[in-house]
Protein backbone atom coordinates (compact mmCIF):
# COMPACT_ATOMS: atom_id res chain seq x y z
CA UNK A 1 -59.61 -9.08 -53.61
CA UNK A 2 -60.59 -6.25 -55.97
CA UNK A 3 -59.46 -5.70 -59.52
CA UNK A 4 -57.35 -2.62 -58.78
CA UNK A 5 -54.07 -2.29 -56.92
CA UNK A 6 -51.49 0.48 -56.70
CA UNK A 7 -48.08 -0.01 -58.29
CA UNK A 8 -44.93 1.23 -56.59
CA UNK A 9 -44.03 4.63 -58.02
CA UNK A 10 -41.02 4.70 -60.30
CA UNK A 11 -38.43 7.42 -59.84
CA UNK A 12 -39.90 10.79 -60.73
CA UNK A 13 -43.35 9.36 -61.38
CA UNK A 14 -46.50 9.50 -59.33
CA UNK A 15 -48.09 6.18 -58.29
CA UNK A 16 -50.44 4.72 -60.87
CA UNK A 17 -53.49 2.56 -60.28
CA UNK A 18 -53.23 -0.52 -62.45
CA UNK A 19 -55.80 -3.32 -62.71
CA UNK A 20 -55.02 -6.63 -61.00
CA UNK A 21 -55.44 -9.12 -63.83
CA UNK A 22 -56.27 -12.81 -63.63
CA UNK A 23 -54.60 -15.23 -66.06
CA UNK A 24 -57.95 -15.59 -67.87
CA UNK A 25 -58.34 -11.83 -68.37
CA UNK A 26 -54.72 -11.57 -69.49
CA UNK A 27 -55.33 -14.31 -72.05
CA UNK A 28 -58.46 -12.53 -73.27
CA UNK A 29 -56.57 -9.26 -73.72
CA UNK A 30 -53.72 -10.99 -75.56
CA UNK A 31 -56.27 -12.56 -77.93
CA UNK A 32 -58.30 -9.43 -78.58
CA UNK A 33 -57.28 -7.81 -81.89
CA UNK A 34 -59.36 -4.88 -83.09
CA UNK A 35 -63.10 -5.42 -82.58
CA UNK A 36 -64.11 -9.04 -81.95
CA UNK A 37 -67.42 -10.73 -81.18
CA UNK A 38 -67.91 -13.02 -78.20
CA UNK A 39 -67.98 -16.03 -80.55
CA UNK A 40 -64.70 -14.95 -82.19
CA UNK A 41 -63.05 -14.49 -78.80
CA UNK A 42 -64.29 -17.81 -77.45
CA UNK A 43 -63.11 -19.63 -80.55
CA UNK A 44 -59.71 -17.93 -80.48
CA UNK A 45 -59.25 -18.86 -76.80
CA UNK A 46 -60.65 -22.35 -77.35
CA UNK A 47 -63.59 -22.23 -74.93
CA UNK A 48 -67.03 -23.59 -75.72
CA UNK A 49 -68.90 -22.85 -72.47
CA UNK A 50 -70.51 -19.40 -72.74
CA UNK A 51 -71.19 -19.11 -69.01
CA UNK A 52 -67.58 -19.82 -68.01
CA UNK A 53 -66.30 -17.44 -70.68
CA UNK A 54 -68.62 -14.68 -69.48
CA UNK A 55 -67.86 -15.20 -65.75
CA UNK A 56 -64.09 -15.82 -65.92
CA UNK A 57 -63.02 -13.74 -68.89
CA UNK A 58 -65.51 -11.18 -70.14
CA UNK A 59 -67.17 -9.82 -66.97
CA UNK A 60 -63.92 -9.25 -65.01
CA UNK A 61 -62.25 -7.57 -68.02
CA UNK A 62 -65.24 -5.27 -68.52
CA UNK A 63 -65.51 -4.50 -64.78
CA UNK A 64 -61.80 -3.58 -64.63
CA UNK A 65 -62.17 -1.28 -67.64
CA UNK A 66 -59.65 -3.27 -69.69
CA UNK A 67 -62.06 -3.98 -72.53
CA UNK A 68 -65.23 -2.24 -73.69
CA UNK A 69 -68.32 -3.00 -75.74
CA UNK A 70 -68.65 -1.45 -79.17
CA UNK A 71 -72.41 -0.99 -78.55
CA UNK A 72 -72.59 -0.29 -74.79
CA UNK A 73 -76.20 0.91 -74.97
CA UNK A 74 -77.21 -2.56 -76.27
CA UNK A 75 -75.16 -5.09 -74.27
CA UNK A 76 -77.17 -8.05 -75.59
CA UNK A 77 -77.06 -7.07 -79.26
CA UNK A 78 -76.15 -9.86 -81.67
CA UNK A 79 -73.84 -7.31 -83.30
CA UNK A 80 -71.95 -6.65 -80.03
CA UNK A 81 -68.18 -6.71 -80.23
CA UNK A 82 -65.41 -6.00 -77.76
CA UNK A 83 -62.14 -4.08 -77.98
CA UNK A 84 -59.26 -3.14 -75.71
CA UNK A 85 -59.56 0.17 -73.89
CA UNK A 86 -56.62 2.54 -73.52
CA UNK A 87 -56.21 1.10 -70.00
CA UNK A 88 -56.07 -2.44 -71.43
CA UNK A 89 -53.49 -1.42 -74.03
CA UNK A 90 -51.46 0.36 -71.34
CA UNK A 91 -51.60 -2.70 -69.06
CA UNK A 92 -50.32 -4.98 -71.83
CA UNK A 93 -47.59 -2.49 -72.68
CA UNK A 94 -46.45 -2.24 -69.03
CA UNK A 95 -46.48 -6.03 -68.74
CA UNK A 96 -44.34 -6.36 -71.87
CA UNK A 97 -41.88 -3.75 -70.54
CA UNK A 98 -41.57 -5.66 -67.26
CA UNK A 99 -40.98 -8.91 -69.12
CA UNK A 100 -38.24 -7.24 -71.19
CA UNK A 101 -36.58 -5.87 -68.07
CA UNK A 102 -36.65 -9.25 -66.36
CA UNK A 103 -35.66 -11.23 -69.45
């Protein structure tokens, strides 16, 4: 299954394409405040294994366009940090609205 799926259109709105988010990516986005390094994110989430973090959290979030690198031209820079994109912020906002409606 891909990372994108279409949401049902709300009244008066055109359908939007919203990323399909795994629990790991959701947790990453909830943790990400401002610009954070990989080490900061891993520590905040409580993961020590770099490979698992990269494969389950970082790569899917980047591929879906939910987070971005602060230095995209140097992906392996020791100064690299990550931040939410507008799409990531929008996804979290929509999720929070749905939770409020259900709760």
